[in-house]
All heavy atoms as atom14 arrays in JSON, in Angstrom:
{
  "sequence": "ERELVRYSTELSTWRQREDMRLAQMAKIKWRMEGDRNSKFFNV",
  "atom14_mask": [
    [1, 1, 1, 1, 1, 1, 1, 1, 1, 0, 0, 0, 0, 0],
    [1, 1, 1, 1, 1, 1, 1, 1, 1, 1, 1, 0, 0, 0],
    [1, 1, 1, 1, 1, 1, 1, 1, 1, 0, 0, 0, 0, 0],
    [1, 1, 1, 1, 1, 1, 1, 1, 0, 0, 0, 0, 0, 0],
    [1, 1, 1, 1, 1, 1, 1, 0, 0, 0, 0, 0, 0, 0],
    [1, 1, 1, 1, 1, 1, 1, 1, 1, 1, 1, 0, 0, 0],
    [1, 1, 1, 1, 1, 1, 1, 1, 1, 1, 1, 1, 0, 0],
    [1, 1, 1, 1, 1, 1, 0, 0, 0, 0, 0, 0, 0, 0],
    [1, 1, 1, 1, 1, 1, 1, 0, 0, 0, 0, 0, 0, 0],
    [1, 1, 1, 1, 1, 1, 1, 1, 1, 0, 0, 0, 0, 0],
    [1, 1, 1, 1, 1, 1, 1, 1, 0, 0, 0, 0, 0, 0],
    [1, 1, 1, 1, 1, 1, 0, 0, 0, 0, 0, 0, 0, 0],
    [1, 1, 1, 1, 1, 1, 1, 0, 0, 0, 0, 0, 0, 0],
    [1, 1, 1, 1, 1, 1, 1, 1, 1, 1, 1, 1, 1, 1],
    [1, 1, 1, 1, 1, 1, 1, 1, 1, 1, 1, 0, 0, 0],
    [1, 1, 1, 1, 1, 1, 1, 1, 1, 0, 0, 0, 0, 0],
    [1, 1, 1, 1, 1, 1, 1, 1, 1, 1, 1, 0, 0, 0],
    [1, 1, 1, 1, 1, 1, 1, 1, 1, 0, 0, 0, 0, 0],
    [1, 1, 1, 1, 1, 1, 1, 1, 0, 0, 0, 0, 0, 0],
    [1, 1, 1, 1, 1, 1, 1, 1, 0, 0, 0, 0, 0, 0],
    [1, 1, 1, 1, 1, 1, 1, 1, 1, 1, 1, 0, 0, 0],
    [1, 1, 1, 1, 1, 1, 1, 1, 0, 0, 0, 0, 0, 0],
    [1, 1, 1, 1, 1, 0, 0, 0, 0, 0, 0, 0, 0, 0],
    [1, 1, 1, 1, 1, 1, 1, 1, 1, 0, 0, 0, 0, 0],
    [1, 1, 1, 1, 1, 1, 1, 1, 0, 0, 0, 0, 0, 0],
    [1, 1, 1, 1, 1, 0, 0, 0, 0, 0, 0, 0, 0, 0],
    [1, 1, 1, 1, 1, 1, 1, 1, 1, 0, 0, 0, 0, 0],
    [1, 1, 1, 1, 1, 1, 1, 1, 0, 0, 0, 0, 0, 0],
    [1, 1, 1, 1, 1, 1, 1, 1, 1, 0, 0, 0, 0, 0],
    [1, 1, 1, 1, 1, 1, 1, 1, 1, 1, 1, 1, 1, 1],
    [1, 1, 1, 1, 1, 1, 1, 1, 1, 1, 1, 0, 0, 0],
    [1, 1, 1, 1, 1, 1, 1, 1, 0, 0, 0, 0, 0, 0],
    [1, 1, 1, 1, 1, 1, 1, 1, 1, 0, 0, 0, 0, 0],
    [1, 1, 1, 1, 0, 0, 0, 0, 0, 0, 0, 0, 0, 0],
    [1, 1, 1, 1, 1, 1, 1, 1, 0, 0, 0, 0, 0, 0],
    [1, 1, 1, 1, 1, 1, 1, 1, 1, 1, 1, 0, 0, 0],
    [1, 1, 1, 1, 1, 1, 1, 1, 0, 0, 0, 0, 0, 0],
    [1, 1, 1, 1, 1, 1, 0, 0, 0, 0, 0, 0, 0, 0],
    [1, 1, 1, 1, 1, 1, 1, 1, 1, 0, 0, 0, 0, 0],
    [1, 1, 1, 1, 1, 1, 1, 1, 1, 1, 1, 0, 0, 0],
    [1, 1, 1, 1, 1, 1, 1, 1, 1, 1, 1, 0, 0, 0],
    [1, 1, 1, 1, 1, 1, 1, 1, 0, 0, 0, 0, 0, 0],
    [1, 1, 1, 1, 1, 1, 1, 0, 0, 0, 0, 0, 0, 0]
  ],
  "atom14_positions": [
    [[260.82, 164.55, 63.04], [260.28, 165.83, 62.52], [259.93, 165.7, 61.01], [258.86, 166.2, 60.57], [261.27, 166.93, 62.8], [260.99, 168.27, 62.08], [259.75, 168.95, 62.64], [259.32, 168.55, 63.73], [259.33, 169.9, 61.99], [0.0, 0.0, 0.0], [0.0, 0.0, 0.0], [0.0, 0.0, 0.0], [0.0, 0.0, 0.0], [0.0, 0.0, 0.0]],
    [[260.83, 165.14, 60.26], [260.56, 164.96, 58.79], [259.32, 164.1, 58.55], [258.49, 164.35, 57.73], [261.81, 164.45, 58.12], [262.88, 165.46, 57.9], [263.96, 165.0, 56.9], [264.68, 163.87, 57.46], [265.82, 164.05, 58.13], [266.3, 165.27, 58.38], [266.48, 162.94, 58.63], [0.0, 0.0, 0.0], [0.0, 0.0, 0.0], [0.0, 0.0, 0.0]],
    [[259.27, 163.02, 59.38], [258.1, 162.12, 59.23], [256.79, 162.83, 59.55], [255.78, 162.68, 58.93], [258.26, 160.9, 60.13], [259.3, 159.85, 59.67], [258.74, 159.06, 58.52], [257.77, 158.29, 58.73], [259.28, 159.22, 57.38], [0.0, 0.0, 0.0], [0.0, 0.0, 0.0], [0.0, 0.0, 0.0], [0.0, 0.0, 0.0], [0.0, 0.0, 0.0]],
    [[256.89, 163.65, 60.55], [255.68, 164.45, 61.02], [255.22, 165.37, 59.88], [254.01, 165.5, 59.61], [255.97, 165.22, 62.3], [254.84, 166.13, 62.79], [253.58, 165.28, 63.1], [255.27, 166.89, 64.01], [0.0, 0.0, 0.0], [0.0, 0.0, 0.0], [0.0, 0.0, 0.0], [0.0, 0.0, 0.0], [0.0, 0.0, 0.0], [0.0, 0.0, 0.0]],
    [[256.17, 166.08, 59.28], [255.82, 167.0, 58.16], [255.24, 166.23, 57.01], [254.23, 166.67, 56.43], [257.06, 167.79, 57.74], [256.79, 168.59, 56.45], [257.56, 168.7, 58.83], [0.0, 0.0, 0.0], [0.0, 0.0, 0.0], [0.0, 0.0, 0.0], [0.0, 0.0, 0.0], [0.0, 0.0, 0.0], [0.0, 0.0, 0.0], [0.0, 0.0, 0.0]],
    [[255.79, 165.05, 56.73], [255.28, 164.28, 55.57], [253.88, 163.77, 55.83], [253.0, 163.92, 54.96], [256.25, 163.07, 55.33], [255.86, 162.21, 54.14], [256.96, 161.26, 53.77], [257.07, 160.23, 54.78], [256.39, 159.09, 54.79], [255.45, 158.86, 53.88], [256.57, 158.16, 55.71], [0.0, 0.0, 0.0], [0.0, 0.0, 0.0], [0.0, 0.0, 0.0]],
    [[253.63, 163.24, 56.98], [252.31, 162.72, 57.34], [251.27, 163.87, 57.52], [250.08, 163.68, 57.15], [252.35, 161.84, 58.58], [252.87, 160.44, 58.33], [254.01, 160.01, 59.01], [252.24, 159.6, 57.43], [254.52, 158.72, 58.83], [252.75, 158.29, 57.21], [253.9, 157.87, 57.9], [254.39, 156.61, 57.7], [0.0, 0.0, 0.0], [0.0, 0.0, 0.0]],
    [[251.69, 164.99, 58.02], [250.79, 166.11, 58.16], [250.34, 166.63, 56.82], [249.17, 166.98, 56.6], [251.46, 167.27, 58.86], [251.79, 166.85, 60.27], [0.0, 0.0, 0.0], [0.0, 0.0, 0.0], [0.0, 0.0, 0.0], [0.0, 0.0, 0.0], [0.0, 0.0, 0.0], [0.0, 0.0, 0.0], [0.0, 0.0, 0.0], [0.0, 0.0, 0.0]],
    [[251.28, 166.66, 55.83], [251.0, 167.07, 54.44], [249.99, 166.11, 53.81], [249.01, 166.48, 53.18], [252.21, 167.2, 53.61], [253.13, 168.1, 54.22], [251.91, 167.74, 52.23], [0.0, 0.0, 0.0], [0.0, 0.0, 0.0], [0.0, 0.0, 0.0], [0.0, 0.0, 0.0], [0.0, 0.0, 0.0], [0.0, 0.0, 0.0], [0.0, 0.0, 0.0]],
    [[250.26, 164.85, 54.02], [249.39, 163.76, 53.47], [248.0, 163.83, 54.08], [246.97, 163.68, 53.38], [250.0, 162.39, 53.68], [249.31, 161.24, 52.95], [250.01, 159.92, 53.08], [251.17, 159.91, 53.63], [249.44, 158.91, 52.65], [0.0, 0.0, 0.0], [0.0, 0.0, 0.0], [0.0, 0.0, 0.0], [0.0, 0.0, 0.0], [0.0, 0.0, 0.0]],
    [[247.98, 164.08, 55.43], [246.65, 164.24, 56.06], [245.87, 165.41, 55.5], [244.67, 165.28, 55.31], [246.92, 164.41, 57.57], [245.66, 164.64, 58.45], [244.67, 163.5, 58.33], [246.05, 164.88, 59.9], [0.0, 0.0, 0.0], [0.0, 0.0, 0.0], [0.0, 0.0, 0.0], [0.0, 0.0, 0.0], [0.0, 0.0, 0.0], [0.0, 0.0, 0.0]],
    [[246.53, 166.51, 55.29], [245.88, 167.68, 54.72], [245.31, 167.4, 53.34], [244.12, 167.78, 53.0], [246.83, 168.87, 54.64], [246.27, 169.99, 54.03], [0.0, 0.0, 0.0], [0.0, 0.0, 0.0], [0.0, 0.0, 0.0], [0.0, 0.0, 0.0], [0.0, 0.0, 0.0], [0.0, 0.0, 0.0], [0.0, 0.0, 0.0], [0.0, 0.0, 0.0]],
    [[246.02, 166.65, 52.53], [245.56, 166.23, 51.25], [244.33, 165.36, 51.3], [243.34, 165.54, 50.58], [246.65, 165.44, 50.48], [247.83, 166.28, 50.36], [246.19, 165.04, 49.08], [0.0, 0.0, 0.0], [0.0, 0.0, 0.0], [0.0, 0.0, 0.0], [0.0, 0.0, 0.0], [0.0, 0.0, 0.0], [0.0, 0.0, 0.0], [0.0, 0.0, 0.0]],
    [[244.32, 164.4, 52.23], [243.15, 163.51, 52.37], [241.95, 164.23, 52.86], [240.79, 163.98, 52.47], [243.5, 162.35, 53.3], [244.21, 161.26, 52.57], [245.56, 161.01, 52.56], [243.62, 160.26, 51.72], [245.82, 159.92, 51.78], [244.63, 159.38, 51.24], [242.29, 159.97, 51.36], [244.43, 158.36, 50.4], [242.1, 158.88, 50.48], [243.13, 158.07, 50.02]],
    [[242.14, 165.22, 53.77], [241.04, 166.05, 54.26], [240.43, 166.9, 53.12], [239.24, 167.02, 53.06], [241.49, 166.91, 55.36], [241.66, 166.23, 56.7], [242.27, 167.08, 57.77], [242.24, 166.4, 59.09], [242.95, 166.85, 60.12], [243.71, 167.91, 60.03], [242.86, 166.22, 61.31], [0.0, 0.0, 0.0], [0.0, 0.0, 0.0], [0.0, 0.0, 0.0]],
    [[241.27, 167.43, 52.24], [240.78, 168.13, 51.09], [239.94, 167.24, 50.18], [238.91, 167.65, 49.64], [241.92, 168.78, 50.35], [242.62, 169.93, 51.06], [243.86, 170.42, 50.33], [244.15, 169.97, 49.23], [244.5, 171.37, 50.97], [0.0, 0.0, 0.0], [0.0, 0.0, 0.0], [0.0, 0.0, 0.0], [0.0, 0.0, 0.0], [0.0, 0.0, 0.0]],
    [[240.43, 166.0, 49.94], [239.72, 165.05, 49.18], [238.35, 164.75, 49.75], [237.32, 164.68, 49.07], [240.47, 163.75, 49.0], [241.72, 163.86, 48.14], [242.57, 162.65, 48.22], [243.74, 162.71, 47.35], [244.75, 161.81, 47.36], [244.73, 160.85, 48.26], [245.74, 161.97, 46.55], [0.0, 0.0, 0.0], [0.0, 0.0, 0.0], [0.0, 0.0, 0.0]],
    [[238.28, 164.53, 51.09], [237.05, 164.25, 51.73], [236.05, 165.45, 51.61], [234.88, 165.3, 51.39], [237.26, 163.92, 53.19], [235.99, 163.67, 54.04], [235.2, 162.48, 53.59], [235.58, 161.74, 52.64], [234.1, 162.22, 54.21], [0.0, 0.0, 0.0], [0.0, 0.0, 0.0], [0.0, 0.0, 0.0], [0.0, 0.0, 0.0], [0.0, 0.0, 0.0]],
    [[236.58, 166.69, 51.83], [235.77, 167.89, 51.69], [235.19, 167.97, 50.21], [234.05, 168.35, 50.0], [236.56, 169.15, 52.0], [236.78, 169.32, 53.48], [236.14, 168.57, 54.26], [237.62, 170.11, 53.85], [0.0, 0.0, 0.0], [0.0, 0.0, 0.0], [0.0, 0.0, 0.0], [0.0, 0.0, 0.0], [0.0, 0.0, 0.0], [0.0, 0.0, 0.0]],
    [[236.06, 167.62, 49.24], [235.62, 167.69, 47.83], [234.53, 166.7, 47.6], [233.55, 166.96, 46.86], [236.85, 167.45, 46.98], [236.62, 167.83, 45.52], [238.16, 167.56, 44.53], [239.31, 168.64, 45.38], [0.0, 0.0, 0.0], [0.0, 0.0, 0.0], [0.0, 0.0, 0.0], [0.0, 0.0, 0.0], [0.0, 0.0, 0.0], [0.0, 0.0, 0.0]],
    [[234.69, 165.48, 48.15], [233.68, 164.43, 47.96], [232.35, 164.84, 48.59], [231.29, 164.67, 47.97], [234.23, 163.14, 48.63], [233.26, 161.93, 48.41], [233.85, 160.69, 49.11], [233.69, 160.83, 50.56], [232.62, 160.49, 51.21], [231.57, 159.99, 50.57], [232.55, 160.62, 52.53], [0.0, 0.0, 0.0], [0.0, 0.0, 0.0], [0.0, 0.0, 0.0]],
    [[232.38, 165.34, 49.81], [231.16, 165.78, 50.49], [230.51, 166.95, 49.79], [229.26, 167.01, 49.67], [231.47, 166.13, 51.93], [231.88, 164.97, 52.87], [232.34, 165.45, 54.22], [230.74, 163.97, 53.02], [0.0, 0.0, 0.0], [0.0, 0.0, 0.0], [0.0, 0.0, 0.0], [0.0, 0.0, 0.0], [0.0, 0.0, 0.0], [0.0, 0.0, 0.0]],
    [[231.37, 167.91, 49.3], [230.8, 169.02, 48.62], [230.08, 168.62, 47.36], [229.04, 169.15, 46.98], [231.88, 170.05, 48.34], [0.0, 0.0, 0.0], [0.0, 0.0, 0.0], [0.0, 0.0, 0.0], [0.0, 0.0, 0.0], [0.0, 0.0, 0.0], [0.0, 0.0, 0.0], [0.0, 0.0, 0.0], [0.0, 0.0, 0.0], [0.0, 0.0, 0.0]],
    [[230.64, 167.66, 46.64], [230.05, 167.19, 45.41], [228.73, 166.46, 45.7], [227.77, 166.67, 44.99], [230.98, 166.21, 44.71], [230.48, 165.64, 43.37], [231.45, 164.75, 42.66], [232.64, 164.65, 43.07], [230.99, 164.01, 41.69], [0.0, 0.0, 0.0], [0.0, 0.0, 0.0], [0.0, 0.0, 0.0], [0.0, 0.0, 0.0], [0.0, 0.0, 0.0]],
    [[228.68, 165.67, 46.77], [227.46, 164.97, 47.13], [226.35, 165.95, 47.6], [225.19, 165.79, 47.27], [227.71, 163.94, 48.24], [228.54, 162.77, 47.79], [228.92, 161.7, 49.2], [227.29, 161.11, 49.59], [0.0, 0.0, 0.0], [0.0, 0.0, 0.0], [0.0, 0.0, 0.0], [0.0, 0.0, 0.0], [0.0, 0.0, 0.0], [0.0, 0.0, 0.0]],
    [[226.79, 166.98, 48.3], [225.82, 167.95, 48.76], [225.53, 169.02, 47.75], [224.61, 169.86, 47.95], [226.38, 168.64, 50.03], [0.0, 0.0, 0.0], [0.0, 0.0, 0.0], [0.0, 0.0, 0.0], [0.0, 0.0, 0.0], [0.0, 0.0, 0.0], [0.0, 0.0, 0.0], [0.0, 0.0, 0.0], [0.0, 0.0, 0.0], [0.0, 0.0, 0.0]],
    [[226.29, 169.0, 46.59], [226.11, 169.99, 45.55], [226.21, 171.41, 46.08], [225.43, 172.31, 45.78], [224.74, 169.84, 44.87], [224.58, 168.5, 44.14], [223.29, 168.36, 43.41], [223.21, 167.03, 42.7], [221.91, 166.82, 42.0], [0.0, 0.0, 0.0], [0.0, 0.0, 0.0], [0.0, 0.0, 0.0], [0.0, 0.0, 0.0], [0.0, 0.0, 0.0]],
    [[227.28, 171.67, 46.88], [227.59, 172.96, 47.42], [229.03, 173.35, 46.98], [229.93, 172.53, 47.06], [227.51, 172.93, 48.94], [226.06, 172.71, 49.35], [228.01, 174.2, 49.56], [225.83, 172.56, 50.82], [0.0, 0.0, 0.0], [0.0, 0.0, 0.0], [0.0, 0.0, 0.0], [0.0, 0.0, 0.0], [0.0, 0.0, 0.0], [0.0, 0.0, 0.0]],
    [[229.17, 174.59, 46.56], [230.46, 175.0, 46.01], [231.32, 175.82, 46.96], [232.51, 175.97, 46.73], [230.24, 175.84, 44.75], [229.54, 175.04, 43.61], [229.29, 175.87, 42.39], [228.6, 175.06, 41.34], [228.32, 175.86, 40.13], [0.0, 0.0, 0.0], [0.0, 0.0, 0.0], [0.0, 0.0, 0.0], [0.0, 0.0, 0.0], [0.0, 0.0, 0.0]],
    [[230.72, 176.44, 48.03], [231.53, 177.24, 48.89], [232.14, 176.34, 50.01], [231.75, 175.28, 50.25], [230.7, 178.39, 49.5], [229.59, 177.99, 50.37], [229.61, 177.67, 51.68], [228.23, 177.83, 49.99], [228.44, 177.36, 52.18], [227.53, 177.46, 51.17], [227.5, 177.98, 48.82], [226.11, 177.23, 51.15], [226.12, 177.78, 48.81], [225.46, 177.43, 49.96]],
    [[233.13, 176.93, 50.68], [233.9, 176.18, 51.69], [233.95, 176.96, 52.99], [233.81, 178.15, 53.03], [235.35, 175.9, 51.21], [235.39, 175.07, 49.97], [236.82, 175.08, 49.47], [237.73, 174.37, 50.31], [237.99, 173.06, 50.27], [237.4, 172.33, 49.39], [238.84, 172.53, 51.1], [0.0, 0.0, 0.0], [0.0, 0.0, 0.0], [0.0, 0.0, 0.0]],
    [[234.1, 176.22, 54.09], [234.25, 176.8, 55.4], [235.62, 176.41, 55.94], [236.39, 175.65, 55.31], [233.1, 176.39, 56.35], [231.75, 176.76, 55.84], [230.41, 176.09, 56.83], [230.53, 177.22, 58.26], [0.0, 0.0, 0.0], [0.0, 0.0, 0.0], [0.0, 0.0, 0.0], [0.0, 0.0, 0.0], [0.0, 0.0, 0.0], [0.0, 0.0, 0.0]],
    [[235.95, 176.89, 57.11], [237.3, 176.64, 57.63], [237.28, 175.37, 58.52], [236.46, 175.13, 59.31], [237.73, 177.81, 58.55], [237.95, 179.12, 57.8], [239.06, 179.02, 56.72], [240.0, 178.3, 57.04], [238.92, 179.61, 55.69], [0.0, 0.0, 0.0], [0.0, 0.0, 0.0], [0.0, 0.0, 0.0], [0.0, 0.0, 0.0], [0.0, 0.0, 0.0]],
    [[238.37, 174.56, 58.26], [238.68, 173.48, 59.17], [237.54, 172.39, 59.23], [236.93, 172.05, 58.29], [0.0, 0.0, 0.0], [0.0, 0.0, 0.0], [0.0, 0.0, 0.0], [0.0, 0.0, 0.0], [0.0, 0.0, 0.0], [0.0, 0.0, 0.0], [0.0, 0.0, 0.0], [0.0, 0.0, 0.0], [0.0, 0.0, 0.0], [0.0, 0.0, 0.0]],
    [[237.39, 171.91, 60.51], [236.46, 170.83, 60.7], [234.99, 171.29, 60.39], [234.12, 170.44, 60.13], [236.47, 170.35, 62.16], [237.85, 169.69, 62.46], [238.48, 169.23, 61.46], [238.23, 169.65, 63.64], [0.0, 0.0, 0.0], [0.0, 0.0, 0.0], [0.0, 0.0, 0.0], [0.0, 0.0, 0.0], [0.0, 0.0, 0.0], [0.0, 0.0, 0.0]],
    [[234.69, 172.58, 60.47], [233.31, 173.08, 60.21], [232.92, 172.74, 58.79], [231.72, 172.66, 58.47], [233.24, 174.57, 60.49], [233.38, 174.97, 61.92], [233.28, 176.42, 62.05], [231.98, 176.93, 61.65], [231.76, 178.15, 61.26], [232.73, 179.05, 61.21], [230.55, 178.55, 60.95], [0.0, 0.0, 0.0], [0.0, 0.0, 0.0], [0.0, 0.0, 0.0]],
    [[233.94, 172.64, 57.91], [233.62, 172.37, 56.5], [232.87, 171.03, 56.33], [231.81, 170.97, 55.79], [234.95, 172.39, 55.69], [234.66, 172.66, 54.23], [233.75, 173.38, 53.88], [235.46, 172.06, 53.37], [0.0, 0.0, 0.0], [0.0, 0.0, 0.0], [0.0, 0.0, 0.0], [0.0, 0.0, 0.0], [0.0, 0.0, 0.0], [0.0, 0.0, 0.0]],
    [[233.52, 169.94, 56.83], [232.95, 168.58, 56.75], [231.61, 168.5, 57.48], [230.71, 167.88, 57.01], [233.9, 167.56, 57.28], [235.13, 167.56, 56.55], [0.0, 0.0, 0.0], [0.0, 0.0, 0.0], [0.0, 0.0, 0.0], [0.0, 0.0, 0.0], [0.0, 0.0, 0.0], [0.0, 0.0, 0.0], [0.0, 0.0, 0.0], [0.0, 0.0, 0.0]],
    [[231.55, 169.16, 58.67], [230.3, 169.17, 59.44], [229.2, 169.81, 58.68], [228.08, 169.3, 58.65], [230.58, 169.82, 60.78], [229.43, 169.78, 61.73], [229.8, 170.45, 63.09], [228.67, 170.3, 64.1], [229.02, 170.97, 65.38], [0.0, 0.0, 0.0], [0.0, 0.0, 0.0], [0.0, 0.0, 0.0], [0.0, 0.0, 0.0], [0.0, 0.0, 0.0]],
    [[229.53, 170.91, 58.06], [228.53, 171.67, 57.25], [227.97, 170.82, 56.13], [226.8, 170.77, 55.9], [229.17, 172.96, 56.73], [228.27, 173.81, 55.92], [227.28, 174.57, 56.5], [228.45, 173.89, 54.54], [226.4, 175.35, 55.73], [227.63, 174.63, 53.77], [226.62, 175.41, 54.36], [0.0, 0.0, 0.0], [0.0, 0.0, 0.0], [0.0, 0.0, 0.0]],
    [[228.86, 170.18, 55.41], [228.45, 169.35, 54.25], [227.61, 168.16, 54.72], [226.64, 167.75, 54.08], [229.68, 168.8, 53.47], [230.41, 169.88, 52.73], [231.77, 169.89, 52.59], [229.7, 170.91, 52.06], [232.46, 170.86, 51.88], [230.35, 171.88, 51.35], [231.75, 171.86, 51.28], [0.0, 0.0, 0.0], [0.0, 0.0, 0.0], [0.0, 0.0, 0.0]],
    [[227.96, 167.57, 55.87], [227.21, 166.4, 56.36], [225.79, 166.86, 56.73], [224.83, 166.11, 56.55], [227.88, 165.82, 57.6], [229.0, 164.82, 57.21], [228.7, 163.87, 56.46], [230.2, 165.0, 57.72], [0.0, 0.0, 0.0], [0.0, 0.0, 0.0], [0.0, 0.0, 0.0], [0.0, 0.0, 0.0], [0.0, 0.0, 0.0], [0.0, 0.0, 0.0]],
    [[225.65, 168.06, 57.3], [224.36, 168.54, 57.62], [223.5, 168.71, 56.36], [222.35, 168.38, 56.28], [224.42, 169.9, 58.41], [223.05, 170.55, 58.5], [224.99, 169.64, 59.76], [0.0, 0.0, 0.0], [0.0, 0.0, 0.0], [0.0, 0.0, 0.0], [0.0, 0.0, 0.0], [0.0, 0.0, 0.0], [0.0, 0.0, 0.0], [0.0, 0.0, 0.0]]
  ]
}
């Protein structure tokens, strides 16, 4: 359970980094929820 919490937190951090990277490349400042965020930036 502790390992799951640790890796889940780390996964959330990496997803935020990827969203930040895509948002910077797309030059967009607003955010969407969950997986739609990355999909939106890729479009």
